[in-house]
Amino acid sequence: MIELTFKLAPDGGEPRNVVVRIHEPTRNPPEKEWPWAVTVDLDGRPFTTYGVDPLDAVENGARHAAIVLREIHGDALDPPLEPRMNESQ
C-alpha cells in the first residue's frame, strides 16, 4: 500500500490532514473488461479504478485522486497538486 498525507489549510478553516491510500492491485476475473483493479481511499472514501496491467491500475487511481483533490481543495493542499486534465480528456 502507498500512503500519502496532504496538509489542508483552507482560508479561515481548521487545518487537517487528507490521506490518500493506494492499495495493492488485484487481478479481475477473466470475463471482466479490465484485467486489473486497484482500490484507492481518498480521505476515507474508497473508489476503484482499473487498468490493463497492475501499474496502469495504480496510475489511473493516482490520477483520479489528484483530479478530485485538486478540484475540491485547490491551492489549499500542502504539498500542492498541479492542475490535471479532466479524466474525459
PDB file of N, CA and C in Angstrom:
ATOM      1  N   MET A   1       0.844  -1.171   0.000  1.00  0.00           N
ATOM      2  CA  MET A   1       0.000   0.000   0.000  1.00  0.00           C
ATOM      3  C   MET A   1       0.894   1.241   0.000  1.00  0.00           C
ATOM      4  N   ILE A   2       0.464   2.228  -0.748  1.00  0.00           N
ATOM      5  CA  ILE A   2       1.117   3.534  -0.762  1.00  0.00           C
ATOM      6  C   ILE A   2       0.214   4.493   0.003  1.00  0.00           C
ATOM      7  N   GLU A   3       0.790   5.248   0.926  1.00  0.00           N
ATOM      8  CA  GLU A   3       0.002   6.211   1.697  1.00  0.00           C
ATOM      9  C   GLU A   3       0.652   7.579   1.589  1.00  0.00           C
ATOM     10  N   LEU A   4      -0.144   8.562   1.205  1.00  0.00           N
ATOM     11  CA  LEU A   4       0.314   9.946   1.091  1.00  0.00           C
ATOM     12  C   LEU A   4      -0.552  10.819   1.984  1.00  0.00           C
ATOM     13  N   THR A   5       0.069  11.744   2.699  1.00  0.00           N
ATOM     14  CA  THR A   5      -0.676  12.661   3.549  1.00  0.00           C
ATOM     15  C   THR A   5      -0.447  14.085   3.061  1.00  0.00           C
ATOM     16  N   PHE A   6      -1.546  14.785   2.837  1.00  0.00           N
ATOM     17  CA  PHE A   6      -1.504  16.187   2.444  1.00  0.00           C
ATOM     18  C   PHE A   6      -2.052  17.004   3.589  1.00  0.00           C
ATOM     19  N   LYS A   7      -1.471  18.154   3.810  1.00  0.00           N
ATOM     20  CA  LYS A   7      -1.981  19.092   4.804  1.00  0.00           C
ATOM     21  C   LYS A   7      -2.975  20.006   4.092  1.00  0.00           C
ATOM     22  N   LEU A   8      -4.132  20.169   4.694  1.00  0.00           N
ATOM     23  CA  LEU A   8      -5.165  21.023   4.144  1.00  0.00           C
ATOM     24  C   LEU A   8      -5.303  22.223   5.051  1.00  0.00           C
ATOM     25  N   ALA A   9      -5.060  23.400   4.495  1.00  0.00           N
ATOM     26  CA  ALA A   9      -5.145  24.632   5.269  1.00  0.00           C
ATOM     27  C   ALA A   9      -6.076  25.602   4.540  1.00  0.00           C
ATOM     28  N   PRO A  10      -7.385  25.382   4.615  1.00  0.00           N
ATOM     29  CA  PRO A  10      -8.320  26.270   3.910  1.00  0.00           C
ATOM     30  C   PRO A  10      -8.368  27.643   4.555  1.00  0.00           C
ATOM     31  N   ASP A  11      -8.679  28.663   3.761  1.00  0.00           N
ATOM     32  CA  ASP A  11      -8.812  30.023   4.284  1.00  0.00           C
ATOM     33  C   ASP A  11      -9.891  30.064   5.346  1.00  0.00           C
ATOM     34  N   GLY A  12      -9.517  30.463   6.535  1.00  0.00           N
ATOM     35  CA  GLY A  12     -10.462  30.598   7.622  1.00  0.00           C
ATOM     36  C   GLY A  12     -10.952  29.290   8.209  1.00  0.00           C
ATOM     37  N   GLY A  13     -10.445  28.173   7.713  1.00  0.00           N
ATOM     38  CA  GLY A  13     -10.873  26.872   8.219  1.00  0.00           C
ATOM     39  C   GLY A  13      -9.833  26.244   9.113  1.00  0.00           C
ATOM     40  N   GLU A  14     -10.221  25.180   9.759  1.00  0.00           N
ATOM     41  CA  GLU A  14      -9.325  24.437  10.640  1.00  0.00           C
ATOM     42  C   GLU A  14      -8.399  23.554   9.803  1.00  0.00           C
ATOM     43  N   PRO A  15      -7.071  23.630   9.990  1.00  0.00           N
ATOM     44  CA  PRO A  15      -6.161  22.756   9.252  1.00  0.00           C
ATOM     45  C   PRO A  15      -6.389  21.290   9.616  1.00  0.00           C
ATOM     46  N   ARG A  16      -6.224  20.412   8.616  1.00  0.00           N
ATOM     47  CA  ARG A  16      -6.353  18.980   8.858  1.00  0.00           C
ATOM     48  C   ARG A  16      -5.555  18.230   7.806  1.00  0.00           C
ATOM     49  N   ASN A  17      -5.400  16.945   8.028  1.00  0.00           N
ATOM     50  CA  ASN A  17      -4.708  16.083   7.072  1.00  0.00           C
ATOM     51  C   ASN A  17      -5.714  15.410   6.147  1.00  0.00           C
ATOM     52  N   VAL A  18      -5.316  15.246   4.896  1.00  0.00           N
ATOM     53  CA  VAL A  18      -6.072  14.480   3.911  1.00  0.00           C
ATOM     54  C   VAL A  18      -5.171  13.310   3.518  1.00  0.00           C
ATOM     55  N   VAL A  19      -5.647  12.082   3.726  1.00  0.00           N
ATOM     56  CA  VAL A  19      -4.836  10.892   3.482  1.00  0.00           C
ATOM     57  C   VAL A  19      -5.340  10.178   2.233  1.00  0.00           C
ATOM     58  N   VAL A  20      -4.390   9.810   1.363  1.00  0.00           N
ATOM     59  CA  VAL A  20      -4.676   9.027   0.165  1.00  0.00           C
ATOM     60  C   VAL A  20      -3.951   7.693   0.329  1.00  0.00           C
ATOM     61  N   ARG A  21      -4.708   6.594   0.228  1.00  0.00           N
ATOM     62  CA  ARG A  21      -4.117   5.249   0.318  1.00  0.00           C
ATOM     63  C   ARG A  21      -4.399   4.504  -0.978  1.00  0.00           C
ATOM     64  N   ILE A  22      -3.345   4.059  -1.636  1.00  0.00           N
ATOM     65  CA  ILE A  22      -3.476   3.272  -2.853  1.00  0.00           C
ATOM     66  C   ILE A  22      -3.123   1.839  -2.487  1.00  0.00           C
ATOM     67  N   HIS A  23      -4.114   0.966  -2.574  1.00  0.00           N
ATOM     68  CA  HIS A  23      -3.936  -0.424  -2.167  1.00  0.00           C
ATOM     69  C   HIS A  23      -3.299  -1.252  -3.284  1.00  0.00           C
ATOM     70  N   GLU A  24      -2.912  -2.454  -2.944  1.00  0.00           N
ATOM     71  CA  GLU A  24      -2.279  -3.355  -3.910  1.00  0.00           C
ATOM     72  C   GLU A  24      -3.271  -3.731  -5.010  1.00  0.00           C
ATOM     73  N   PRO A  25      -2.842  -3.693  -6.266  1.00  0.00           N
ATOM     74  CA  PRO A  25      -3.732  -4.085  -7.370  1.00  0.00           C
ATOM     75  C   PRO A  25      -4.120  -5.558  -7.269  1.00  0.00           C
ATOM     76  N   THR A  26      -5.317  -5.864  -7.752  1.00  0.00           N
ATOM     77  CA  THR A  26      -5.789  -7.245  -7.775  1.00  0.00           C
ATOM     78  C   THR A  26      -6.218  -7.605  -9.192  1.00  0.00           C
ATOM     79  N   ARG A  27      -6.060  -8.876  -9.515  1.00  0.00           N
ATOM     80  CA  ARG A  27      -6.463  -9.353 -10.838  1.00  0.00           C
ATOM     81  C   ARG A  27      -7.963  -9.604 -10.834  1.00  0.00           C
ATOM     82  N   ASN A  28      -8.632  -9.125 -11.871  1.00  0.00           N
ATOM     83  CA  ASN A  28     -10.062  -9.355 -12.050  1.00  0.00           C
ATOM     84  C   ASN A  28     -10.302 -10.705 -12.711  1.00  0.00           C
ATOM     85  N   PRO A  29     -11.506 -11.257 -12.571  1.00  0.00           N
ATOM     86  CA  PRO A  29     -11.837 -12.495 -13.282  1.00  0.00           C
ATOM     87  C   PRO A  29     -11.725 -12.292 -14.797  1.00  0.00           C
ATOM     88  N   PRO A  30     -11.452 -13.350 -15.555  1.00  0.00           N
ATOM     89  CA  PRO A  30     -11.230 -13.228 -16.994  1.00  0.00           C
ATOM     90  C   PRO A  30     -12.386 -12.606 -17.771  1.00  0.00           C
ATOM     91  N   GLU A  31     -13.618 -12.716 -17.267  1.00  0.00           N
ATOM     92  CA  GLU A  31     -14.754 -12.167 -18.007  1.00  0.00           C
ATOM     93  C   GLU A  31     -14.911 -10.650 -17.849  1.00  0.00           C
ATOM     94  N   LYS A  32     -14.159 -10.036 -16.960  1.00  0.00           N
ATOM     95  CA  LYS A  32     -14.229  -8.584 -16.761  1.00  0.00           C
ATOM     96  C   LYS A  32     -13.532  -7.840 -17.890  1.00  0.00           C
ATOM     97  N   GLU A  33     -14.002  -6.615 -18.165  1.00  0.00           N
ATOM     98  CA  GLU A  33     -13.426  -5.811 -19.249  1.00  0.00           C
ATOM     99  C   GLU A  33     -11.960  -5.458 -18.978  1.00  0.00           C
ATOM    100  N   TRP A  34     -11.656  -5.077 -17.737  1.00  0.00           N
ATOM    101  CA  TRP A  34     -10.298  -4.681 -17.367  1.00  0.00           C
ATOM    102  C   TRP A  34      -9.662  -5.779 -16.532  1.00  0.00           C
ATOM    103  N   PRO A  35      -8.440  -6.184 -16.859  1.00  0.00           N
ATOM    104  CA  PRO A  35      -7.800  -7.291 -16.138  1.00  0.00           C
ATOM    105  C   PRO A  35      -7.385  -6.967 -14.695  1.00  0.00           C
ATOM    106  N   TRP A  36      -7.153  -5.674 -14.397  1.00  0.00           N
ATOM    107  CA  TRP A  36      -6.646  -5.303 -13.072  1.00  0.00           C
ATOM    108  C   TRP A  36      -7.495  -4.204 -12.448  1.00  0.00           C
ATOM    109  N   ALA A  37      -7.573  -4.227 -11.107  1.00  0.00           N
ATOM    110  CA  ALA A  37      -8.300  -3.215 -10.347  1.00  0.00           C
ATOM    111  C   ALA A  37      -7.456  -2.784  -9.156  1.00  0.00           C
ATOM    112  N   VAL A  38      -7.656  -1.551  -8.724  1.00  0.00           N
ATOM    113  CA  VAL A  38      -6.987  -1.063  -7.512  1.00  0.00           C
ATOM    114  C   VAL A  38      -7.978  -0.189  -6.750  1.00  0.00           C
ATOM    115  N   THR A  39      -8.006  -0.365  -5.427  1.00  0.00           N
ATOM    116  CA  THR A  39      -8.848   0.461  -4.564  1.00  0.00           C
ATOM    117  C   THR A  39      -8.003   1.597  -4.016  1.00  0.00           C
ATOM    118  N   VAL A  40      -8.569   2.793  -4.048  1.00  0.00           N
ATOM    119  CA  VAL A  40      -7.915   3.980  -3.514  1.00  0.00           C
ATOM    120  C   VAL A  40      -8.849   4.592  -2.487  1.00  0.00           C
ATOM    121  N   ASP A  41      -8.340   4.806  -1.282  1.00  0.00           N
ATOM    122  CA  ASP A  41      -9.094   5.506  -0.243  1.00  0.00           C
ATOM    123  C   ASP A  41      -8.680   6.966  -0.293  1.00  0.00           C
ATOM    124  N   LEU A  42      -9.633   7.816  -0.561  1.00  0.00           N
ATOM    125  CA  LEU A  42      -9.379   9.250  -0.660  1.00  0.00           C
ATOM    126  C   LEU A  42     -10.082   9.925   0.509  1.00  0.00           C
ATOM    127  N   ASP A  43      -9.303  10.240   1.530  1.00  0.00           N
ATOM    128  CA  ASP A  43      -9.838  10.870   2.733  1.00  0.00           C
ATOM    129  C   ASP A  43     -10.952  10.025   3.339  1.00  0.00           C
ATOM    130  N   GLY A  44     -10.729   8.685   3.342  1.00  0.00           N
ATOM    131  CA  GLY A  44     -11.674   7.770   3.953  1.00  0.00           C
ATOM    132  C   GLY A  44     -12.768   7.261   3.042  1.00  0.00           C
ATOM    133  N   ARG A  45     -12.825   7.735   1.803  1.00  0.00           N
ATOM    134  CA  ARG A  45     -13.846   7.282   0.854  1.00  0.00           C
ATOM    135  C   ARG A  45     -13.181   6.404  -0.199  1.00  0.00           C
ATOM    136  N   PRO A  46     -13.558   5.133  -0.279  1.00  0.00           N
ATOM    137  CA  PRO A  46     -12.931   4.237  -1.248  1.00  0.00           C
ATOM    138  C   PRO A  46     -13.541   4.370  -2.645  1.00  0.00           C
ATOM    139  N   PHE A  47     -12.701   4.213  -3.654  1.00  0.00           N
ATOM    140  CA  PHE A  47     -13.161   4.085  -5.030  1.00  0.00           C
ATOM    141  C   PHE A  47     -12.228   3.112  -5.725  1.00  0.00           C
ATOM    142  N   THR A  48     -12.684   2.551  -6.819  1.00  0.00           N
ATOM    143  CA  THR A  48     -11.906   1.565  -7.549  1.00  0.00           C
ATOM    144  C   THR A  48     -11.632   2.072  -8.951  1.00  0.00           C
ATOM    145  N   THR A  49     -10.388   1.902  -9.391  1.00  0.00           N
ATOM    146  CA  THR A  49     -10.031   2.191 -10.783  1.00  0.00           C
ATOM    147  C   THR A  49      -9.461   0.923 -11.391  1.00  0.00           C
ATOM    148  N   TYR A  50      -9.358   0.928 -12.691  1.00  0.00           N
ATOM    149  CA  TYR A  50      -8.982  -0.277 -13.424  1.00  0.00           C
ATOM    150  C   TYR A  50      -7.831   0.011 -14.377  1.00  0.00           C
ATOM    151  N   GLY A  51      -7.201  -1.052 -14.854  1.00  0.00           N
ATOM    152  CA  GLY A  51      -6.117  -0.898 -15.816  1.00  0.00           C
ATOM    153  C   GLY A  51      -5.841  -2.179 -16.560  1.00  0.00           C
ATOM    154  N   VAL A  52      -5.007  -2.045 -17.601  1.00  0.00           N
ATOM    155  CA  VAL A  52      -4.642  -3.202 -18.416  1.00  0.00           C
ATOM    156  C   VAL A  52      -3.555  -4.031 -17.748  1.00  0.00           C
ATOM    157  N   ASP A  53      -2.858  -3.442 -16.780  1.00  0.00           N
ATOM    158  CA  ASP A  53      -1.854  -4.151 -16.003  1.00  0.00           C
ATOM    159  C   ASP A  53      -1.810  -3.501 -14.618  1.00  0.00           C
ATOM    160  N   PRO A  54      -1.072  -4.074 -13.671  1.00  0.00           N
ATOM    161  CA  PRO A  54      -1.089  -3.529 -12.306  1.00  0.00           C
ATOM    162  C   PRO A  54      -0.657  -2.065 -12.217  1.00  0.00           C
ATOM    163  N   LEU A  55       0.387  -1.692 -12.951  1.00  0.00           N
ATOM    164  CA  LEU A  55       0.854  -0.306 -12.872  1.00  0.00           C
ATOM    165  C   LEU A  55      -0.126   0.664 -13.515  1.00  0.00           C
ATOM    166  N   ASP A  56      -0.793   0.228 -14.568  1.00  0.00           N
ATOM    167  CA  ASP A  56      -1.810   1.062 -15.209  1.00  0.00           C
ATOM    168  C   ASP A  56      -2.957   1.326 -14.238  1.00  0.00           C
ATOM    169  N   ALA A  57      -3.367   0.319 -13.485  1.00  0.00           N
ATOM    170  CA  ALA A  57      -4.433   0.499 -12.495  1.00  0.00           C
ATOM    171  C   ALA A  57      -4.005   1.482 -11.403  1.00  0.00           C
ATOM    172  N   VAL A  58      -2.765   1.355 -10.917  1.00  0.00           N
ATOM    173  CA  VAL A  58      -2.249   2.274  -9.890  1.00  0.00           C
ATOM    174  C   VAL A  58      -2.165   3.697 -10.453  1.00  0.00           C
ATOM    175  N   GLU A  59      -1.654   3.826 -11.674  1.00  0.00           N
ATOM    176  CA  GLU A  59      -1.551   5.147 -12.305  1.00  0.00           C
ATOM    177  C   GLU A  59      -2.930   5.791 -12.448  1.00  0.00           C
ATOM    178  N   ASN A  60      -3.916   5.017 -12.883  1.00  0.00           N
ATOM    179  CA  ASN A  60      -5.262   5.556 -13.035  1.00  0.00           C
ATOM    180  C   ASN A  60      -5.855   5.967 -11.689  1.00  0.00           C
ATOM    181  N   GLY A  61      -5.583   5.192 -10.650  1.00  0.00           N
ATOM    182  CA  GLY A  61      -6.057   5.550  -9.318  1.00  0.00           C
ATOM    183  C   GLY A  61      -5.419   6.826  -8.800  1.00  0.00           C
ATOM    184  N   ALA A  62      -4.111   6.958  -8.995  1.00  0.00           N
ATOM    185  CA  ALA A  62      -3.402   8.160  -8.556  1.00  0.00           C
ATOM    186  C   ALA A  62      -3.873   9.384  -9.334  1.00  0.00           C
ATOM    187  N   ARG A  63      -4.090   9.227 -10.635  1.00  0.00           N
ATOM    188  CA  ARG A  63      -4.563  10.338 -11.464  1.00  0.00           C
ATOM    189  C   ARG A  63      -5.959  10.783 -11.009  1.00  0.00           C
ATOM    190  N   HIS A  64      -6.843   9.821 -10.766  1.00  0.00           N
ATOM    191  CA  HIS A  64      -8.197  10.153 -10.314  1.00  0.00           C
ATOM    192  C   HIS A  64      -8.149  10.884  -8.966  1.00  0.00           C
ATOM    193  N   ALA A  65      -7.333  10.395  -8.035  1.00  0.00           N
ATOM    194  CA  ALA A  65      -7.212  11.045  -6.723  1.00  0.00           C
ATOM    195  C   ALA A  65      -6.705  12.477  -6.871  1.00  0.00           C
ATOM    196  N   ALA A  66      -5.720  12.693  -7.742  1.00  0.00           N
ATOM    197  CA  ALA A  66      -5.174  14.036  -7.948  1.00  0.00           C
ATOM    198  C   ALA A  66      -6.229  14.982  -8.521  1.00  0.00           C
ATOM    199  N   ILE A  67      -7.023  14.495  -9.465  1.00  0.00           N
ATOM    200  CA  ILE A  67      -8.073  15.331 -10.061  1.00  0.00           C
ATOM    201  C   ILE A  67      -9.099  15.715  -9.006  1.00  0.00           C
ATOM    202  N   VAL A  68      -9.547  14.743  -8.224  1.00  0.00           N
ATOM    203  CA  VAL A  68     -10.564  15.014  -7.201  1.00  0.00           C
ATOM    204  C   VAL A  68     -10.020  15.973  -6.139  1.00  0.00           C
ATOM    205  N   LEU A  69      -8.830  15.714  -5.625  1.00  0.00           N
ATOM    206  CA  LEU A  69      -8.255  16.591  -4.600  1.00  0.00           C
ATOM    207  C   LEU A  69      -8.074  18.012  -5.108  1.00  0.00           C
ATOM    208  N   ARG A  70      -7.568  18.152  -6.305  1.00  0.00           N
ATOM    209  CA  ARG A  70      -7.328  19.485  -6.879  1.00  0.00           C
ATOM    210  C   ARG A  70      -8.651  20.224  -7.070  1.00  0.00           C
ATOM    211  N   GLU A  71      -9.675  19.526  -7.565  1.00  0.00           N
ATOM    212  CA  GLU A  71     -10.962  20.190  -7.803  1.00  0.00           C
ATOM    213  C   GLU A  71     -11.654  20.575  -6.503  1.00  0.00           C
ATOM    214  N   ILE A  72     -11.525  19.749  -5.463  1.00  0.00           N
ATOM    215  CA  ILE A  72     -12.209  20.037  -4.196  1.00  0.00           C
ATOM    216  C   ILE A  72     -11.438  21.045  -3.351  1.00  0.00           C
ATOM    217  N   HIS A  73     -10.105  20.873  -3.250  1.00  0.00           N
ATOM    218  CA  HIS A  73      -9.323  21.674  -2.303  1.00  0.00           C
ATOM    219  C   HIS A  73      -8.416  22.708  -2.963  1.00  0.00           C
ATOM    220  N   GLY A  74      -8.182  22.613  -4.243  1.00  0.00           N
ATOM    221  CA  GLY A  74      -7.402  23.613  -4.970  1.00  0.00           C
ATOM    222  C   GLY A  74      -6.033  23.863  -4.379  1.00  0.00           C
ATOM    223  N   ASP A  75      -5.738  25.144  -4.146  1.00  0.00           N
ATOM    224  CA  ASP A  75      -4.419  25.550  -3.673  1.00  0.00           C
ATOM    225  C   ASP A  75      -4.238  25.426  -2.164  1.00  0.00           C
ATOM    226  N   ALA A  76      -5.225  24.860  -1.466  1.00  0.00           N
ATOM    227  CA  ALA A  76      -5.131  24.742  -0.010  1.00  0.00           C
ATOM    228  C   ALA A  76      -4.351  23.499   0.421  1.00  0.00           C
ATOM    229  N   LEU A  77      -3.836  22.707  -0.541  1.00  0.00           N
ATOM    230  CA  LEU A  77      -3.101  21.486  -0.212  1.00  0.00           C
ATOM    231  C   LEU A  77      -1.604  21.735  -0.089  1.00  0.00           C
ATOM    232  N   ASP A  78      -0.985  21.061   0.863  1.00  0.00           N
ATOM    233  CA  ASP A  78       0.464  21.104   1.020  1.00  0.00           C
ATOM    234  C   ASP A  78       0.946  19.663   1.188  1.00  0.00           C
ATOM    235  N   PRO A  79       1.747  19.118   0.294  1.00  0.00           N
ATOM    236  CA  PRO A  79       2.296  19.756  -0.890  1.00  0.00           C
ATOM    237  C   PRO A  79       1.209  20.003  -1.934  1.00  0.00           C
ATOM    238  N   PRO A  80       1.415  21.031  -2.760  1.00  0.00           N
ATOM    239  CA  PRO A  80       0.404  21.384  -3.753  1.00  0.00           C
ATOM    240  C   PRO A  80       0.332  20.360  -4.884  1.00  0.00           C
ATOM    241  N   LEU A  81      -0.816  20.306  -5.537  1.00  0.00           N
ATOM    242  CA  LEU A  81      -1.004  19.470  -6.718  1.00  0.00           C
ATOM    243  C   LEU A  81      -1.207  20.373  -7.922  1.00  0.00           C
ATOM    244  N   GLU A  82      -0.576  20.019  -9.005  1.00  0.00           N
ATOM    245  CA  GLU A  82      -0.741  20.776 -10.237  1.00  0.00           C
ATOM    246  C   GLU A  82      -2.092  20.436 -10.860  1.00  0.00           C
ATOM    247  N   PRO A  83      -2.679  21.379 -11.596  1.00  0.00           N
ATOM    248  CA  PRO A  83      -3.949  21.097 -12.262  1.00  0.00           C
ATOM    249  C   PRO A  83      -3.793  19.922 -13.241  1.00  0.00           C
ATOM    250  N   ARG A  84      -4.818  19.088 -13.340  1.00  0.00           N
ATOM    251  CA  ARG A  84      -4.826  17.952 -14.256  1.00  0.00           C
ATOM    252  C   ARG A  84      -5.934  18.151 -15.270  1.00  0.00           C
ATOM    253  N   MET A  85      -5.791  17.483 -16.393  1.00  0.00           N
ATOM    254  CA  MET A  85      -6.894  17.467 -17.345  1.00  0.00           C
ATOM    255  C   MET A  85      -8.001  16.621 -16.735  1.00  0.00           C
ATOM    256  N   ASN A  86      -9.229  16.876 -17.144  1.00  0.00           N
ATOM    257  CA  ASN A  86     -10.332  16.021 -16.718  1.00  0.00           C
ATOM    258  C   ASN A  86     -10.109  14.625 -17.239  1.00  0.00           C
ATOM    259  N   GLU A  87     -10.652  13.642 -16.566  1.00  0.00           N
ATOM    260  CA  GLU A  87     -10.446  12.254 -16.978  1.00  0.00           C
ATOM    261  C   GLU A  87     -10.991  11.985 -18.368  1.00  0.00           C
ATOM    262  N   SER A  88     -11.983  12.744 -18.811  1.00  0.00           N
ATOM    263  CA  SER A  88     -12.557  12.531 -20.133  1.00  0.00           C
ATOM    264  C   SER A  88     -11.659  13.061 -21.244  1.00  0.00           C
ATOM    265  N   GLN A  89     -10.643  13.847 -20.916  1.00  0.00           N
ATOM    266  CA  GLN A  89      -9.755  14.424 -21.942  1.00  0.00           C
ATOM    267  C   GLN A  89      -8.535  13.580 -22.147  1.00  0.00           C
TER     268      GLN A  89
END
